[in-house]
Amino acid sequence: MSELLRLLTTVIREIEEDGFQPKIALIGPKFAEKGMKELKDLNLKVYIVEELNCDAIIGDPRFIGHLRKASRRVSLEPLMEEKEFWEEMEEIQKL
């Protein structure tokens, strides 16, 4: 299971534990490049929103924007930064 899929699964579970049914994902174009397969695997209806860039909002379409617990925002930036960090560490170890 990829790190992104694990993160998305955790977010969905948290929303469900709060009593909601996450069925949609509003995603930025950079998030779409990296995570479209994972979102499709989770059977979420996906909408691309330019302004979200590398973020995604996962939520229950009945309550998104009305109740804070009905959605969560996920960012790829920390994951990308961590990946870059470990790649740099590998390069340093090769020296």
N, C-alpha and C. Protein backbone atom coordinates (compact mmCIF):
# COMPACT_ATOMS: atom_id res chain seq x y z
N MET A 1 0.85 -1.18 0.00
CA MET A 1 0.00 0.00 0.00
C MET A 1 0.90 1.24 0.00
N SER A 2 0.63 2.14 -0.92
CA SER A 2 1.45 3.35 -1.01
C SER A 2 1.17 4.27 0.19
N GLU A 3 2.12 5.14 0.44
CA GLU A 3 1.98 6.08 1.56
C GLU A 3 0.77 6.98 1.36
N LEU A 4 0.54 7.41 0.12
CA LEU A 4 -0.61 8.27 -0.17
C LEU A 4 -1.92 7.52 0.05
N LEU A 5 -2.00 6.29 -0.41
CA LEU A 5 -3.21 5.49 -0.22
C LEU A 5 -3.48 5.27 1.27
N ARG A 6 -2.44 5.03 2.03
CA ARG A 6 -2.58 4.85 3.49
C ARG A 6 -3.11 6.14 4.13
N LEU A 7 -2.59 7.29 3.71
CA LEU A 7 -3.04 8.57 4.24
C LEU A 7 -4.51 8.82 3.89
N LEU A 8 -4.88 8.58 2.64
CA LEU A 8 -6.26 8.78 2.22
C LEU A 8 -7.22 7.85 2.95
N THR A 9 -6.81 6.61 3.15
CA THR A 9 -7.63 5.64 3.87
C THR A 9 -7.85 6.09 5.31
N THR A 10 -6.81 6.62 5.94
CA THR A 10 -6.93 7.12 7.31
C THR A 10 -7.90 8.30 7.37
N VAL A 11 -7.79 9.22 6.43
CA VAL A 11 -8.67 10.39 6.39
C VAL A 11 -10.13 9.95 6.21
N ILE A 12 -10.36 9.02 5.30
CA ILE A 12 -11.72 8.52 5.07
C ILE A 12 -12.27 7.86 6.33
N ARG A 13 -11.47 7.06 6.99
CA ARG A 13 -11.90 6.39 8.22
C ARG A 13 -12.26 7.42 9.30
N GLU A 14 -11.45 8.48 9.44
CA GLU A 14 -11.74 9.52 10.43
C GLU A 14 -13.08 10.19 10.15
N ILE A 15 -13.34 10.48 8.88
CA ILE A 15 -14.61 11.12 8.51
C ILE A 15 -15.78 10.18 8.81
N GLU A 16 -15.61 8.90 8.48
CA GLU A 16 -16.66 7.91 8.76
C GLU A 16 -16.90 7.76 10.25
N GLU A 17 -15.84 7.80 11.05
CA GLU A 17 -15.98 7.70 12.50
C GLU A 17 -16.77 8.87 13.08
N ASP A 18 -16.74 10.01 12.39
CA ASP A 18 -17.52 11.18 12.81
C ASP A 18 -18.96 11.10 12.33
N GLY A 19 -19.32 10.01 11.64
CA GLY A 19 -20.70 9.80 11.22
C GLY A 19 -21.04 10.29 9.82
N PHE A 20 -20.04 10.55 9.01
CA PHE A 20 -20.28 11.05 7.65
C PHE A 20 -19.88 10.01 6.61
N GLN A 21 -20.28 10.24 5.37
CA GLN A 21 -19.97 9.33 4.28
C GLN A 21 -19.15 10.05 3.21
N PRO A 22 -17.82 9.98 3.29
CA PRO A 22 -16.99 10.67 2.30
C PRO A 22 -17.13 10.01 0.93
N LYS A 23 -17.61 10.79 -0.02
CA LYS A 23 -17.83 10.25 -1.37
C LYS A 23 -17.18 11.09 -2.45
N ILE A 24 -16.70 12.29 -2.10
CA ILE A 24 -16.10 13.15 -3.13
C ILE A 24 -14.70 13.59 -2.72
N ALA A 25 -13.93 13.95 -3.74
CA ALA A 25 -12.60 14.52 -3.54
C ALA A 25 -12.46 15.72 -4.46
N LEU A 26 -12.22 16.87 -3.88
CA LEU A 26 -11.88 18.07 -4.64
C LEU A 26 -10.37 18.13 -4.63
N ILE A 27 -9.74 18.08 -5.80
CA ILE A 27 -8.28 17.98 -5.84
C ILE A 27 -7.68 19.02 -6.76
N GLY A 28 -6.46 19.40 -6.43
CA GLY A 28 -5.71 20.30 -7.28
C GLY A 28 -5.04 19.52 -8.40
N PRO A 29 -4.58 20.22 -9.44
CA PRO A 29 -3.96 19.54 -10.59
C PRO A 29 -2.71 18.74 -10.24
N LYS A 30 -1.88 19.25 -9.33
CA LYS A 30 -0.68 18.50 -8.94
C LYS A 30 -1.04 17.26 -8.14
N PHE A 31 -2.09 17.36 -7.32
CA PHE A 31 -2.56 16.18 -6.59
C PHE A 31 -3.08 15.15 -7.59
N ALA A 32 -3.74 15.62 -8.63
CA ALA A 32 -4.27 14.71 -9.66
C ALA A 32 -3.15 13.93 -10.34
N GLU A 33 -2.02 14.60 -10.60
CA GLU A 33 -0.88 13.94 -11.23
C GLU A 33 -0.36 12.78 -10.39
N LYS A 34 -0.33 12.97 -9.09
CA LYS A 34 0.28 11.98 -8.19
C LYS A 34 -0.72 10.99 -7.60
N GLY A 35 -1.98 11.40 -7.42
CA GLY A 35 -2.88 10.57 -6.63
C GLY A 35 -4.19 10.14 -7.27
N MET A 36 -4.34 10.34 -8.57
CA MET A 36 -5.61 10.01 -9.22
C MET A 36 -5.93 8.52 -9.09
N LYS A 37 -4.94 7.67 -9.27
CA LYS A 37 -5.17 6.22 -9.21
C LYS A 37 -5.69 5.83 -7.83
N GLU A 38 -5.08 6.35 -6.78
CA GLU A 38 -5.49 6.03 -5.42
C GLU A 38 -6.93 6.48 -5.15
N LEU A 39 -7.27 7.68 -5.64
CA LEU A 39 -8.62 8.19 -5.43
C LEU A 39 -9.65 7.32 -6.16
N LYS A 40 -9.32 6.89 -7.37
CA LYS A 40 -10.23 6.01 -8.12
C LYS A 40 -10.36 4.66 -7.42
N ASP A 41 -9.26 4.15 -6.87
CA ASP A 41 -9.30 2.87 -6.14
C ASP A 41 -10.22 2.96 -4.92
N LEU A 42 -10.36 4.15 -4.36
CA LEU A 42 -11.20 4.35 -3.18
C LEU A 42 -12.65 4.69 -3.56
N ASN A 43 -12.95 4.65 -4.84
CA ASN A 43 -14.31 4.91 -5.36
C ASN A 43 -14.85 6.29 -4.98
N LEU A 44 -13.98 7.30 -5.01
CA LEU A 44 -14.41 8.66 -4.74
C LEU A 44 -14.71 9.38 -6.05
N LYS A 45 -15.74 10.19 -6.07
CA LYS A 45 -16.04 11.04 -7.22
C LYS A 45 -15.06 12.20 -7.16
N VAL A 46 -14.32 12.42 -8.23
CA VAL A 46 -13.21 13.38 -8.23
C VAL A 46 -13.55 14.62 -9.05
N TYR A 47 -13.28 15.79 -8.48
CA TYR A 47 -13.43 17.07 -9.16
C TYR A 47 -12.11 17.81 -9.05
N ILE A 48 -11.59 18.30 -10.17
CA ILE A 48 -10.32 19.04 -10.15
C ILE A 48 -10.62 20.53 -9.99
N VAL A 49 -9.95 21.13 -9.01
CA VAL A 49 -10.09 22.55 -8.70
C VAL A 49 -8.71 23.17 -8.78
N GLU A 50 -8.49 24.04 -9.76
CA GLU A 50 -7.17 24.65 -10.00
C GLU A 50 -6.55 25.24 -8.74
N GLU A 51 -7.34 25.92 -7.95
CA GLU A 51 -6.82 26.65 -6.79
C GLU A 51 -6.26 25.75 -5.70
N LEU A 52 -6.58 24.48 -5.71
CA LEU A 52 -6.09 23.58 -4.66
C LEU A 52 -4.65 23.11 -4.89
N ASN A 53 -4.14 23.25 -6.11
CA ASN A 53 -2.76 22.92 -6.47
C ASN A 53 -2.38 21.50 -6.06
N CYS A 54 -1.64 21.30 -4.97
CA CYS A 54 -1.22 19.95 -4.57
C CYS A 54 -1.97 19.47 -3.32
N ASP A 55 -3.15 20.03 -3.09
CA ASP A 55 -3.99 19.64 -1.97
C ASP A 55 -5.25 18.94 -2.45
N ALA A 56 -5.92 18.27 -1.53
CA ALA A 56 -7.21 17.63 -1.81
C ALA A 56 -8.11 17.82 -0.60
N ILE A 57 -9.39 17.92 -0.86
CA ILE A 57 -10.39 17.95 0.20
C ILE A 57 -11.27 16.72 0.00
N ILE A 58 -11.29 15.86 0.99
CA ILE A 58 -12.09 14.65 0.97
C ILE A 58 -13.29 14.90 1.86
N GLY A 59 -14.51 14.60 1.38
CA GLY A 59 -15.64 14.88 2.24
C GLY A 59 -16.95 14.26 1.83
N ASP A 60 -17.93 14.49 2.69
CA ASP A 60 -19.30 14.06 2.47
C ASP A 60 -19.99 15.19 1.70
N PRO A 61 -20.46 14.93 0.48
CA PRO A 61 -21.02 16.00 -0.35
C PRO A 61 -22.27 16.65 0.25
N ARG A 62 -22.94 15.97 1.15
CA ARG A 62 -24.14 16.55 1.76
C ARG A 62 -23.82 17.65 2.75
N PHE A 63 -22.63 17.59 3.35
CA PHE A 63 -22.31 18.52 4.43
C PHE A 63 -21.04 19.33 4.21
N ILE A 64 -20.31 19.09 3.12
CA ILE A 64 -19.05 19.79 2.89
C ILE A 64 -19.32 21.30 2.84
N GLY A 65 -18.56 22.04 3.58
CA GLY A 65 -18.75 23.48 3.64
C GLY A 65 -19.72 23.92 4.73
N HIS A 66 -20.48 22.97 5.28
CA HIS A 66 -21.43 23.30 6.33
C HIS A 66 -20.95 22.85 7.70
N LEU A 67 -20.39 21.65 7.75
CA LEU A 67 -19.90 21.10 9.01
C LEU A 67 -18.42 20.75 8.87
N ARG A 68 -17.63 21.26 9.76
CA ARG A 68 -16.17 21.08 9.69
C ARG A 68 -15.76 19.60 9.70
N LYS A 69 -16.42 18.78 10.48
CA LYS A 69 -16.04 17.37 10.60
C LYS A 69 -16.40 16.55 9.36
N ALA A 70 -17.15 17.12 8.44
CA ALA A 70 -17.60 16.38 7.25
C ALA A 70 -16.52 16.28 6.18
N SER A 71 -15.40 16.98 6.37
CA SER A 71 -14.34 16.94 5.36
C SER A 71 -12.98 17.12 6.00
N ARG A 72 -11.95 16.73 5.26
CA ARG A 72 -10.56 16.91 5.69
C ARG A 72 -9.76 17.38 4.48
N ARG A 73 -8.77 18.21 4.75
CA ARG A 73 -7.86 18.66 3.70
C ARG A 73 -6.55 17.89 3.83
N VAL A 74 -6.07 17.41 2.69
CA VAL A 74 -4.83 16.63 2.63
C VAL A 74 -3.88 17.34 1.68
N SER A 75 -2.62 17.45 2.07
CA SER A 75 -1.62 18.09 1.22
C SER A 75 -0.52 17.11 0.85
N LEU A 76 -0.11 17.15 -0.40
CA LEU A 76 1.00 16.31 -0.86
C LEU A 76 2.36 16.91 -0.54
N GLU A 77 2.40 18.21 -0.24
CA GLU A 77 3.69 18.88 -0.02
C GLU A 77 4.56 18.19 1.02
N PRO A 78 4.03 17.88 2.22
CA PRO A 78 4.90 17.21 3.20
C PRO A 78 5.42 15.87 2.70
N LEU A 79 4.60 15.12 1.98
CA LEU A 79 5.05 13.83 1.45
C LEU A 79 6.15 14.01 0.41
N MET A 80 5.99 15.02 -0.45
CA MET A 80 7.00 15.27 -1.48
C MET A 80 8.31 15.75 -0.85
N GLU A 81 8.21 16.61 0.18
CA GLU A 81 9.41 17.10 0.85
C GLU A 81 10.15 15.96 1.55
N GLU A 82 9.40 15.06 2.17
CA GLU A 82 10.02 13.93 2.85
C GLU A 82 10.71 13.02 1.84
N LYS A 83 10.08 12.79 0.71
CA LYS A 83 10.67 11.95 -0.33
C LYS A 83 11.97 12.57 -0.84
N GLU A 84 11.94 13.89 -1.09
CA GLU A 84 13.15 14.59 -1.54
C GLU A 84 14.26 14.50 -0.50
N PHE A 85 13.90 14.62 0.78
CA PHE A 85 14.88 14.53 1.86
C PHE A 85 15.58 13.17 1.82
N TRP A 86 14.81 12.08 1.72
CA TRP A 86 15.40 10.75 1.73
C TRP A 86 16.22 10.49 0.47
N GLU A 87 15.82 11.07 -0.65
CA GLU A 87 16.61 10.93 -1.87
C GLU A 87 17.96 11.63 -1.70
N GLU A 88 17.96 12.81 -1.07
CA GLU A 88 19.20 13.52 -0.81
C GLU A 88 20.09 12.73 0.15
N MET A 89 19.48 12.11 1.15
CA MET A 89 20.25 11.31 2.10
C MET A 89 20.92 10.12 1.40
N GLU A 90 20.22 9.50 0.47
CA GLU A 90 20.79 8.39 -0.28
C GLU A 90 21.98 8.85 -1.12
N GLU A 91 21.86 10.03 -1.72
CA GLU A 91 22.96 10.59 -2.51
C GLU A 91 24.18 10.86 -1.64
N ILE A 92 23.95 11.38 -0.45
CA ILE A 92 25.05 11.67 0.48
C ILE A 92 25.74 10.38 0.90
N GLN A 93 24.95 9.34 1.15
CA GLN A 93 25.53 8.06 1.57
C GLN A 93 26.39 7.44 0.47
N LYS A 94 26.08 7.73 -0.77
CA LYS A 94 26.85 7.19 -1.90
C LYS A 94 28.23 7.84 -2.01
N LEU A 95 28.38 9.04 -1.43
CA LEU A 95 29.66 9.75 -1.52
C LEU A 95 30.72 9.09 -0.74
